[in-house]
Amino acid sequence: MPEENALSREDMEKLTLEEAFEGVDRTIDELSGDIPLERSFALYKEGMELLKYCDEKLKAVEQQILIMNEEGELNEFQ
């Protein structure tokens, strides 16, 4: 049975990058407390999914960043 707080991939994709990082912070805070082992496994899994999502979002943004060369032309960030 999935945890009531678990995010589906569909829900996760609606998050902004900032919201996803806040989710990671909340997960870390909860993992720092005294929680049952089963809950800690579920939180760990959700935290890892959020981190993966954040990494994907950051890579997508990185590919879209443009830099200006000396002639004033825009080139994709590499």
PDB file of N, CA and C in Angstrom:
ATOM      1  N   MET A   1       0.842  -1.187   0.000  1.00  0.00           N
ATOM      2  CA  MET A   1       0.000   0.000   0.000  1.00  0.00           C
ATOM      3  C   MET A   1       0.885   1.248   0.000  1.00  0.00           C
ATOM      4  N   PRO A   2       0.728   2.158  -0.970  1.00  0.00           N
ATOM      5  CA  PRO A   2       1.574   3.345  -1.038  1.00  0.00           C
ATOM      6  C   PRO A   2       1.297   4.285   0.130  1.00  0.00           C
ATOM      7  N   GLU A   3       2.329   5.007   0.534  1.00  0.00           N
ATOM      8  CA  GLU A   3       2.180   5.994   1.589  1.00  0.00           C
ATOM      9  C   GLU A   3       1.264   7.111   1.111  1.00  0.00           C
ATOM     10  N   GLU A   4       0.514   7.689   2.042  1.00  0.00           N
ATOM     11  CA  GLU A   4      -0.421   8.733   1.665  1.00  0.00           C
ATOM     12  C   GLU A   4       0.271   9.992   1.163  1.00  0.00           C
ATOM     13  N   ASN A   5       1.515  10.234   1.576  1.00  0.00           N
ATOM     14  CA  ASN A   5       2.248  11.420   1.152  1.00  0.00           C
ATOM     15  C   ASN A   5       3.076  11.187  -0.107  1.00  0.00           C
ATOM     16  N   ALA A   6       3.136   9.964  -0.591  1.00  0.00           N
ATOM     17  CA  ALA A   6       3.980   9.652  -1.748  1.00  0.00           C
ATOM     18  C   ALA A   6       3.465  10.389  -2.981  1.00  0.00           C
ATOM     19  N   LEU A   7       4.413  10.945  -3.730  1.00  0.00           N
ATOM     20  CA  LEU A   7       4.071  11.662  -4.959  1.00  0.00           C
ATOM     21  C   LEU A   7       4.172  10.721  -6.149  1.00  0.00           C
ATOM     22  N   SER A   8       3.187  10.796  -7.030  1.00  0.00           N
ATOM     23  CA  SER A   8       3.296  10.057  -8.281  1.00  0.00           C
ATOM     24  C   SER A   8       4.222  10.854  -9.202  1.00  0.00           C
ATOM     25  N   ARG A   9       4.719  10.199 -10.223  1.00  0.00           N
ATOM     26  CA  ARG A   9       5.586  10.893 -11.193  1.00  0.00           C
ATOM     27  C   ARG A   9       4.812  12.043 -11.841  1.00  0.00           C
ATOM     28  N   GLU A  10       3.531  11.822 -12.076  1.00  0.00           N
ATOM     29  CA  GLU A  10       2.678  12.854 -12.676  1.00  0.00           C
ATOM     30  C   GLU A  10       2.584  14.077 -11.761  1.00  0.00           C
ATOM     31  N   ASP A  11       2.391  13.843 -10.454  1.00  0.00           N
ATOM     32  CA  ASP A  11       2.335  14.945  -9.492  1.00  0.00           C
ATOM     33  C   ASP A  11       3.687  15.655  -9.407  1.00  0.00           C
ATOM     34  N   MET A  12       4.754  14.864  -9.428  1.00  0.00           N
ATOM     35  CA  MET A  12       6.094  15.412  -9.319  1.00  0.00           C
ATOM     36  C   MET A  12       6.385  16.346 -10.495  1.00  0.00           C
ATOM     37  N   GLU A  13       5.946  15.981 -11.679  1.00  0.00           N
ATOM     38  CA  GLU A  13       6.231  16.787 -12.866  1.00  0.00           C
ATOM     39  C   GLU A  13       5.485  18.118 -12.866  1.00  0.00           C
ATOM     40  N   LYS A  14       4.527  18.279 -11.960  1.00  0.00           N
ATOM     41  CA  LYS A  14       3.813  19.550 -11.831  1.00  0.00           C
ATOM     42  C   LYS A  14       4.552  20.509 -10.902  1.00  0.00           C
ATOM     43  N   LEU A  15       5.552  19.988 -10.172  1.00  0.00           N
ATOM     44  CA  LEU A  15       6.296  20.808  -9.222  1.00  0.00           C
ATOM     45  C   LEU A  15       7.301  21.700  -9.933  1.00  0.00           C
ATOM     46  N   THR A  16       7.488  22.872  -9.364  1.00  0.00           N
ATOM     47  CA  THR A  16       8.603  23.700  -9.821  1.00  0.00           C
ATOM     48  C   THR A  16       9.867  23.116  -9.204  1.00  0.00           C
ATOM     49  N   LEU A  17      10.999  23.545  -9.681  1.00  0.00           N
ATOM     50  CA  LEU A  17      12.264  23.085  -9.123  1.00  0.00           C
ATOM     51  C   LEU A  17      12.360  23.449  -7.641  1.00  0.00           C
ATOM     52  N   GLU A  18      11.921  24.647  -7.303  1.00  0.00           N
ATOM     53  CA  GLU A  18      11.958  25.093  -5.913  1.00  0.00           C
ATOM     54  C   GLU A  18      11.072  24.215  -5.028  1.00  0.00           C
ATOM     55  N   GLU A  19       9.877  23.877  -5.508  1.00  0.00           N
ATOM     56  CA  GLU A  19       8.974  23.016  -4.746  1.00  0.00           C
ATOM     57  C   GLU A  19       9.566  21.626  -4.558  1.00  0.00           C
ATOM     58  N   ALA A  20      10.244  21.122  -5.588  1.00  0.00           N
ATOM     59  CA  ALA A  20      10.874  19.805  -5.494  1.00  0.00           C
ATOM     60  C   ALA A  20      11.988  19.825  -4.452  1.00  0.00           C
ATOM     61  N   PHE A  21      12.806  20.889  -4.437  1.00  0.00           N
ATOM     62  CA  PHE A  21      13.860  21.001  -3.430  1.00  0.00           C
ATOM     63  C   PHE A  21      13.263  21.127  -2.025  1.00  0.00           C
ATOM     64  N   GLU A  22      12.145  21.837  -1.897  1.00  0.00           N
ATOM     65  CA  GLU A  22      11.470  21.919  -0.603  1.00  0.00           C
ATOM     66  C   GLU A  22      11.001  20.536  -0.161  1.00  0.00           C
ATOM     67  N   GLY A  23      10.527  19.733  -1.114  1.00  0.00           N
ATOM     68  CA  GLY A  23      10.130  18.360  -0.811  1.00  0.00           C
ATOM     69  C   GLY A  23      11.303  17.533  -0.321  1.00  0.00           C
ATOM     70  N   VAL A  24      12.457  17.734  -0.929  1.00  0.00           N
ATOM     71  CA  VAL A  24      13.669  17.034  -0.486  1.00  0.00           C
ATOM     72  C   VAL A  24      14.000  17.457   0.950  1.00  0.00           C
ATOM     73  N   ASP A  25      13.927  18.764   1.227  1.00  0.00           N
ATOM     74  CA  ASP A  25      14.202  19.258   2.584  1.00  0.00           C
ATOM     75  C   ASP A  25      13.236  18.666   3.606  1.00  0.00           C
ATOM     76  N   ARG A  26      11.947  18.614   3.270  1.00  0.00           N
ATOM     77  CA  ARG A  26      10.960  18.028   4.187  1.00  0.00           C
ATOM     78  C   ARG A  26      11.249  16.548   4.426  1.00  0.00           C
ATOM     79  N   THR A  27      11.639  15.854   3.359  1.00  0.00           N
ATOM     80  CA  THR A  27      11.958  14.432   3.477  1.00  0.00           C
ATOM     81  C   THR A  27      13.147  14.234   4.414  1.00  0.00           C
ATOM     82  N   ILE A  28      14.173  15.043   4.247  1.00  0.00           N
ATOM     83  CA  ILE A  28      15.352  14.952   5.114  1.00  0.00           C
ATOM     84  C   ILE A  28      14.978  15.232   6.566  1.00  0.00           C
ATOM     85  N   ASP A  29      14.155  16.272   6.771  1.00  0.00           N
ATOM     86  CA  ASP A  29      13.728  16.597   8.137  1.00  0.00           C
ATOM     87  C   ASP A  29      12.977  15.431   8.768  1.00  0.00           C
ATOM     88  N   GLU A  30      12.069  14.830   8.012  1.00  0.00           N
ATOM     89  CA  GLU A  30      11.293  13.716   8.554  1.00  0.00           C
ATOM     90  C   GLU A  30      12.183  12.500   8.809  1.00  0.00           C
ATOM     91  N   LEU A  31      13.131  12.248   7.918  1.00  0.00           N
ATOM     92  CA  LEU A  31      14.054  11.128   8.112  1.00  0.00           C
ATOM     93  C   LEU A  31      14.937  11.330   9.343  1.00  0.00           C
ATOM     94  N   SER A  32      15.142  12.573   9.735  1.00  0.00           N
ATOM     95  CA  SER A  32      15.968  12.870  10.899  1.00  0.00           C
ATOM     96  C   SER A  32      15.262  12.558  12.208  1.00  0.00           C
ATOM     97  N   GLY A  33      13.951  12.371  12.146  1.00  0.00           N
ATOM     98  CA  GLY A  33      13.178  12.104  13.353  1.00  0.00           C
ATOM     99  C   GLY A  33      13.112  10.622  13.677  1.00  0.00           C
ATOM    100  N   ASP A  34      12.360  10.333  14.693  1.00  0.00           N
ATOM    101  CA  ASP A  34      12.149   8.957  15.142  1.00  0.00           C
ATOM    102  C   ASP A  34      10.923   8.412  14.412  1.00  0.00           C
ATOM    103  N   ILE A  35      11.159   7.660  13.344  1.00  0.00           N
ATOM    104  CA  ILE A  35      10.068   7.135  12.532  1.00  0.00           C
ATOM    105  C   ILE A  35      10.234   5.629  12.352  1.00  0.00           C
ATOM    106  N   PRO A  36       9.129   4.947  12.061  1.00  0.00           N
ATOM    107  CA  PRO A  36       9.216   3.506  11.830  1.00  0.00           C
ATOM    108  C   PRO A  36      10.079   3.184  10.602  1.00  0.00           C
ATOM    109  N   LEU A  37      10.672   2.021  10.629  1.00  0.00           N
ATOM    110  CA  LEU A  37      11.560   1.590   9.553  1.00  0.00           C
ATOM    111  C   LEU A  37      10.860   1.611   8.201  1.00  0.00           C
ATOM    112  N   GLU A  38       9.639   1.129   8.131  1.00  0.00           N
ATOM    113  CA  GLU A  38       8.907   1.100   6.862  1.00  0.00           C
ATOM    114  C   GLU A  38       8.731   2.506   6.296  1.00  0.00           C
ATOM    115  N   ARG A  39       8.416   3.458   7.191  1.00  0.00           N
ATOM    116  CA  ARG A  39       8.242   4.847   6.751  1.00  0.00           C
ATOM    117  C   ARG A  39       9.581   5.414   6.260  1.00  0.00           C
ATOM    118  N   SER A  40      10.673   5.064   6.927  1.00  0.00           N
ATOM    119  CA  SER A  40      11.974   5.583   6.496  1.00  0.00           C
ATOM    120  C   SER A  40      12.326   5.075   5.106  1.00  0.00           C
ATOM    121  N   PHE A  41      11.998   3.826   4.797  1.00  0.00           N
ATOM    122  CA  PHE A  41      12.251   3.303   3.451  1.00  0.00           C
ATOM    123  C   PHE A  41      11.421   4.053   2.415  1.00  0.00           C
ATOM    124  N   ALA A  42      10.150   4.296   2.730  1.00  0.00           N
ATOM    125  CA  ALA A  42       9.278   5.017   1.796  1.00  0.00           C
ATOM    126  C   ALA A  42       9.788   6.446   1.580  1.00  0.00           C
ATOM    127  N   LEU A  43      10.203   7.090   2.658  1.00  0.00           N
ATOM    128  CA  LEU A  43      10.734   8.455   2.543  1.00  0.00           C
ATOM    129  C   LEU A  43      12.031   8.491   1.744  1.00  0.00           C
ATOM    130  N   TYR A  44      12.895   7.515   1.988  1.00  0.00           N
ATOM    131  CA  TYR A  44      14.149   7.442   1.244  1.00  0.00           C
ATOM    132  C   TYR A  44      13.863   7.316  -0.249  1.00  0.00           C
ATOM    133  N   LYS A  45      12.938   6.431  -0.594  1.00  0.00           N
ATOM    134  CA  LYS A  45      12.591   6.239  -2.004  1.00  0.00           C
ATOM    135  C   LYS A  45      12.030   7.530  -2.600  1.00  0.00           C
ATOM    136  N   GLU A  46      11.126   8.178  -1.880  1.00  0.00           N
ATOM    137  CA  GLU A  46      10.545   9.417  -2.387  1.00  0.00           C
ATOM    138  C   GLU A  46      11.607  10.510  -2.521  1.00  0.00           C
ATOM    139  N   GLY A  47      12.504  10.595  -1.542  1.00  0.00           N
ATOM    140  CA  GLY A  47      13.581  11.588  -1.613  1.00  0.00           C
ATOM    141  C   GLY A  47      14.477  11.360  -2.814  1.00  0.00           C
ATOM    142  N   MET A  48      14.804  10.106  -3.081  1.00  0.00           N
ATOM    143  CA  MET A  48      15.650   9.786  -4.239  1.00  0.00           C
ATOM    144  C   MET A  48      14.933  10.129  -5.544  1.00  0.00           C
ATOM    145  N   GLU A  49      13.629   9.877  -5.600  1.00  0.00           N
ATOM    146  CA  GLU A  49      12.849  10.230  -6.799  1.00  0.00           C
ATOM    147  C   GLU A  49      12.841  11.747  -6.995  1.00  0.00           C
ATOM    148  N   LEU A  50      12.677  12.489  -5.902  1.00  0.00           N
ATOM    149  CA  LEU A  50      12.694  13.948  -5.996  1.00  0.00           C
ATOM    150  C   LEU A  50      14.060  14.451  -6.451  1.00  0.00           C
ATOM    151  N   LEU A  51      15.119  13.868  -5.909  1.00  0.00           N
ATOM    152  CA  LEU A  51      16.467  14.283  -6.331  1.00  0.00           C
ATOM    153  C   LEU A  51      16.701  13.989  -7.809  1.00  0.00           C
ATOM    154  N   LYS A  52      16.238  12.850  -8.269  1.00  0.00           N
ATOM    155  CA  LYS A  52      16.370  12.502  -9.687  1.00  0.00           C
ATOM    156  C   LYS A  52      15.605  13.510 -10.546  1.00  0.00           C
ATOM    157  N   TYR A  53      14.402  13.855 -10.111  1.00  0.00           N
ATOM    158  CA  TYR A  53      13.592  14.835 -10.829  1.00  0.00           C
ATOM    159  C   TYR A  53      14.303  16.192 -10.869  1.00  0.00           C
ATOM    160  N   CYS A  54      14.872  16.619  -9.726  1.00  0.00           N
ATOM    161  CA  CYS A  54      15.600  17.889  -9.669  1.00  0.00           C
ATOM    162  C   CYS A  54      16.783  17.870 -10.629  1.00  0.00           C
ATOM    163  N   ASP A  55      17.511  16.763 -10.649  1.00  0.00           N
ATOM    164  CA  ASP A  55      18.657  16.629 -11.544  1.00  0.00           C
ATOM    165  C   ASP A  55      18.221  16.746 -13.008  1.00  0.00           C
ATOM    166  N   GLU A  56      17.124  16.093 -13.353  1.00  0.00           N
ATOM    167  CA  GLU A  56      16.618  16.165 -14.734  1.00  0.00           C
ATOM    168  C   GLU A  56      16.226  17.590 -15.095  1.00  0.00           C
ATOM    169  N   LYS A  57      15.542  18.282 -14.164  1.00  0.00           N
ATOM    170  CA  LYS A  57      15.130  19.665 -14.419  1.00  0.00           C
ATOM    171  C   LYS A  57      16.342  20.572 -14.589  1.00  0.00           C
ATOM    172  N   LEU A  58      17.351  20.402 -13.729  1.00  0.00           N
ATOM    173  CA  LEU A  58      18.553  21.233 -13.824  1.00  0.00           C
ATOM    174  C   LEU A  58      19.292  20.996 -15.135  1.00  0.00           C
ATOM    175  N   LYS A  59      19.373  19.750 -15.561  1.00  0.00           N
ATOM    176  CA  LYS A  59      20.043  19.444 -16.831  1.00  0.00           C
ATOM    177  C   LYS A  59      19.291  20.058 -18.005  1.00  0.00           C
ATOM    178  N   ALA A  60      17.960  20.030 -17.953  1.00  0.00           N
ATOM    179  CA  ALA A  60      17.158  20.620 -19.024  1.00  0.00           C
ATOM    180  C   ALA A  60      17.381  22.129 -19.094  1.00  0.00           C
ATOM    181  N   VAL A  61      17.422  22.783 -17.945  1.00  0.00           N
ATOM    182  CA  VAL A  61      17.651  24.227 -17.900  1.00  0.00           C
ATOM    183  C   VAL A  61      19.057  24.547 -18.388  1.00  0.00           C
ATOM    184  N   GLU A  62      20.018  23.747 -17.953  1.00  0.00           N
ATOM    185  CA  GLU A  62      21.403  23.964 -18.359  1.00  0.00           C
ATOM    186  C   GLU A  62      21.548  23.923 -19.876  1.00  0.00           C
ATOM    187  N   GLN A  63      20.839  23.030 -20.519  1.00  0.00           N
ATOM    188  CA  GLN A  63      20.923  22.917 -21.975  1.00  0.00           C
ATOM    189  C   GLN A  63      20.299  24.108 -22.685  1.00  0.00           C
ATOM    190  N   GLN A  64      19.407  24.815 -21.992  1.00  0.00           N
ATOM    191  CA  GLN A  64      18.730  25.952 -22.610  1.00  0.00           C
ATOM    192  C   GLN A  64      19.454  27.279 -22.384  1.00  0.00           C
ATOM    193  N   ILE A  65      20.414  27.277 -21.476  1.00  0.00           N
ATOM    194  CA  ILE A  65      21.128  28.521 -21.178  1.00  0.00           C
ATOM    195  C   ILE A  65      21.933  28.945 -22.401  1.00  0.00           C
ATOM    196  N   LEU A  66      21.854  30.208 -22.702  1.00  0.00           N
ATOM    197  CA  LEU A  66      22.603  30.764 -23.823  1.00  0.00           C
ATOM    198  C   LEU A  66      23.689  31.683 -23.296  1.00  0.00           C
ATOM    199  N   ILE A  67      24.830  31.659 -23.963  1.00  0.00           N
ATOM    200  CA  ILE A  67      25.906  32.577 -23.607  1.00  0.00           C
ATOM    201  C   ILE A  67      26.225  33.454 -24.808  1.00  0.00           C
ATOM    202  N   MET A  68      26.665  34.649 -24.538  1.00  0.00           N
ATOM    203  CA  MET A  68      26.978  35.577 -25.609  1.00  0.00           C
ATOM    204  C   MET A  68      28.484  35.543 -25.869  1.00  0.00           C
ATOM    205  N   ASN A  69      28.851  35.386 -27.131  1.00  0.00           N
ATOM    206  CA  ASN A  69      30.273  35.383 -27.468  1.00  0.00           C
ATOM    207  C   ASN A  69      30.752  36.819 -27.690  1.00  0.00           C
ATOM    208  N   GLU A  70      32.002  36.965 -28.041  1.00  0.00           N
ATOM    209  CA  GLU A  70      32.597  38.295 -28.195  1.00  0.00           C
ATOM    210  C   GLU A  70      31.930  39.119 -29.286  1.00  0.00           C
ATOM    211  N   GLU A  71      31.354  38.472 -30.298  1.00  0.00           N
ATOM    212  CA  GLU A  71      30.706  39.196 -31.388  1.00  0.00           C
ATOM    213  C   GLU A  71      29.246  39.536 -31.062  1.00  0.00           C
ATOM    214  N   GLY A  72      28.782  39.181 -29.855  1.00  0.00           N
ATOM    215  CA  GLY A  72      27.410  39.488 -29.471  1.00  0.00           C
ATOM    216  C   GLY A  72      26.403  38.449 -29.914  1.00  0.00           C
ATOM    217  N   GLU A  73      26.890  37.327 -30.466  1.00  0.00           N
ATOM    218  CA  GLU A  73      25.969  36.267 -30.889  1.00  0.00           C
ATOM    219  C   GLU A  73      25.706  35.334 -29.726  1.00  0.00           C
ATOM    220  N   LEU A  74      24.498  34.778 -29.702  1.00  0.00           N
ATOM    221  CA  LEU A  74      24.130  33.845 -28.646  1.00  0.00           C
ATOM    222  C   LEU A  74      24.441  32.420 -29.082  1.00  0.00           C
ATOM    223  N   ASN A  75      25.084  31.696 -28.199  1.00  0.00           N
ATOM    224  CA  ASN A  75      25.390  30.291 -28.432  1.00  0.00           C
ATOM    225  C   ASN A  75      24.839  29.480 -27.267  1.00  0.00           C
ATOM    226  N   GLU A  76      24.474  28.210 -27.560  1.00  0.00           N
ATOM    227  CA  GLU A  76      24.008  27.356 -26.485  1.00  0.00           C
ATOM    228  C   GLU A  76      25.132  27.057 -25.530  1.00  0.00           C
ATOM    229  N   PHE A  77      24.789  26.990 -24.249  1.00  0.00           N
ATOM    230  CA  PHE A  77      25.752  26.656 -23.210  1.00  0.00           C
ATOM    231  C   PHE A  77      26.255  25.241 -23.418  1.00  0.00           C
ATOM    232  N   GLN A  78      27.540  25.023 -23.286  1.00  0.00           N
ATOM    233  CA  GLN A  78      28.104  23.678 -23.471  1.00  0.00           C
ATOM    234  C   GLN A  78      28.932  23.288 -22.296  1.00  0.00           C
TER     235      GLN A  78
END
